[in-house]
Protein backbone atom coordinates (compact mmCIF):
# COMPACT_ATOMS: atom_id res chain seq x y z
CA MET A 1 -0.09 -0.01 -0.10
CA SER A 2 2.99 2.35 0.76
CA ALA A 3 4.01 2.35 -3.05
CA ARG A 4 0.52 3.17 -4.23
CA ASN A 5 -0.01 5.91 -1.55
CA ARG A 6 3.42 7.42 -2.72
CA GLU A 7 2.16 7.57 -6.30
CA ILE A 8 -1.06 9.28 -5.01
CA VAL A 9 1.05 11.98 -3.27
CA GLU A 10 3.27 12.50 -6.31
CA LYS A 11 -0.13 13.16 -8.36
CA VAL A 12 -1.22 15.46 -5.61
CA ASN A 13 1.90 17.42 -5.85
CA SER A 14 1.42 17.78 -9.57
CA ALA A 15 -1.93 18.98 -8.96
CA PHE A 16 -0.78 21.67 -6.69
CA ALA A 17 2.00 22.74 -8.91
CA GLU A 18 -0.63 23.17 -11.56
CA ASN A 19 -3.04 25.10 -9.06
CA ASN A 20 -5.70 22.34 -9.51
CA LEU A 21 -7.58 21.82 -6.42
CA GLU A 22 -9.97 19.29 -8.02
CA GLY A 23 -7.05 17.19 -8.99
CA PHE A 24 -6.01 17.20 -5.14
CA LEU A 25 -9.68 16.79 -3.87
CA MET A 26 -10.25 13.66 -6.18
CA PHE A 27 -7.77 11.66 -3.92
CA CYS A 28 -9.32 12.69 -0.72
CA THR A 29 -12.27 11.14 1.54
CA ASP A 30 -15.27 13.58 1.60
CA ASP A 31 -14.46 14.32 5.32
CA VAL A 32 -10.75 15.05 4.83
CA THR A 33 -9.17 17.00 7.38
CA TRP A 34 -6.30 19.73 6.37
CA THR A 35 -4.37 21.12 9.09
CA MET A 36 -2.06 24.01 8.75
CA VAL A 37 0.01 23.66 12.05
CA GLY A 38 -0.03 26.94 14.11
CA ASN A 39 -2.73 28.35 11.81
CA LYS A 40 -5.94 26.65 10.59
CA THR A 41 -7.84 23.13 10.46
CA VAL A 42 -10.33 22.76 7.62
CA LYS A 43 -12.58 19.74 7.52
CA GLY A 44 -14.31 18.53 4.49
CA LYS A 45 -14.06 18.87 0.66
CA GLY A 46 -16.63 21.69 0.53
CA ALA A 47 -14.77 23.63 3.40
CA ILE A 48 -11.41 23.30 1.56
CA ARG A 49 -12.96 24.40 -1.70
CA GLN A 50 -14.38 27.45 0.09
CA TRP A 51 -11.25 28.16 2.04
CA MET A 52 -8.94 27.98 -1.26
CA ALA A 53 -11.41 30.19 -3.19
CA SER A 54 -11.17 32.84 -0.40
CA MET A 55 -7.32 33.35 -0.84
CA ASP A 56 -6.29 35.34 -3.93
CA PHE A 57 -2.79 33.95 -4.37
CA GLU A 58 -0.45 32.78 -7.01
CA PRO A 59 0.27 28.94 -6.42
CA PRO A 60 3.56 28.54 -4.79
CA LYS A 61 6.49 27.07 -6.68
CA PHE A 62 8.00 24.19 -4.74
CA THR A 63 10.35 21.28 -4.81
CA VAL A 64 10.07 18.03 -3.27
CA ASP A 65 13.19 16.82 -1.61
CA ALA A 66 11.82 13.36 -0.45
CA LEU A 67 8.84 11.45 -0.17
CA ILE A 68 8.66 8.74 2.76
CA ALA A 69 5.95 6.26 2.68
CA GLU A 70 5.15 3.75 5.50
CA GLY A 71 1.88 2.15 5.92
CA ASP A 72 -0.93 4.52 5.86
CA PHE A 73 1.31 7.69 5.91
CA VAL A 74 3.43 9.45 3.41
CA ALA A 75 5.52 12.49 4.31
CA ALA A 76 6.71 14.90 1.81
CA HIS A 77 9.33 17.69 2.40
CA GLY A 78 11.00 20.40 0.58
CA ASP A 79 11.26 23.96 -0.20
CA MET A 80 8.91 26.46 -1.94
CA THR A 81 8.50 30.07 -2.70
CA MET A 82 5.42 32.18 -2.37
CA LYS A 83 4.67 35.53 -3.60
CA GLU A 84 3.97 37.95 -0.92
CA ASP A 85 3.39 41.69 -1.91
CA GLY A 86 4.93 40.93 -5.31
CA ASP A 87 8.05 39.31 -3.86
CA ASP A 88 9.15 35.77 -3.92
CA VAL A 89 9.38 34.59 -0.28
CA PRO A 90 11.28 31.32 0.63
CA TYR A 91 9.63 28.59 2.92
CA SER A 92 10.40 25.10 3.81
CA TYR A 93 7.60 22.69 4.30
CA CYS A 94 6.61 19.09 5.40
CA ASP A 95 3.34 17.52 4.65
CA ILE A 96 2.25 14.38 6.21
CA TYR A 97 -0.60 12.66 4.60
CA ARG A 98 -2.75 9.91 6.31
CA PHE A 99 -4.57 7.53 3.94
CA GLN A 100 -7.80 5.53 4.61
CA GLY A 101 -7.73 3.04 1.75
CA GLU A 102 -6.44 4.55 -1.14
CA LYS A 103 -7.90 8.17 -0.40
CA ILE A 104 -6.45 10.97 1.79
CA ALA A 105 -8.27 11.36 4.91
CA GLY A 106 -5.94 13.89 6.63
CA LEU A 107 -3.16 16.30 5.70
CA LYS A 108 -0.79 17.87 8.41
CA SER A 109 1.15 20.92 6.86
CA PHE A 110 4.07 22.29 8.57
CA VAL A 111 5.27 25.43 6.80
CA ILE A 112 8.11 27.85 7.96
CA LYS A 113 9.34 31.02 6.38
CA THR A 114 13.14 30.73 5.77
CA GLY A 115 13.72 34.31 4.52
CA MET A 116 12.37 37.76 4.17
């Protein structure tokens, strides 16, 4: 199962890179929970759609340094840049995906600004 979950996370990362929210959500359970550690927790596909639609931003550019799959979990970490007031701001991230069958049931994101 770990190999299949890893493939799903690779597809999800491609969807994020293309700013394709539905490409992410198609791999999620209806009651998926996304926690941005230290910021916000959003539960359910509808709430995630609404939350993402409320933000007017350019999708981040990111690299995946490693994907680690074990049982029902996949961790991805790397670096990204996000536009803030027209400037590219660097961050490091770690996303931990929890699977239920072949669907993502939980996503916990740790994002840390690494520069100004």
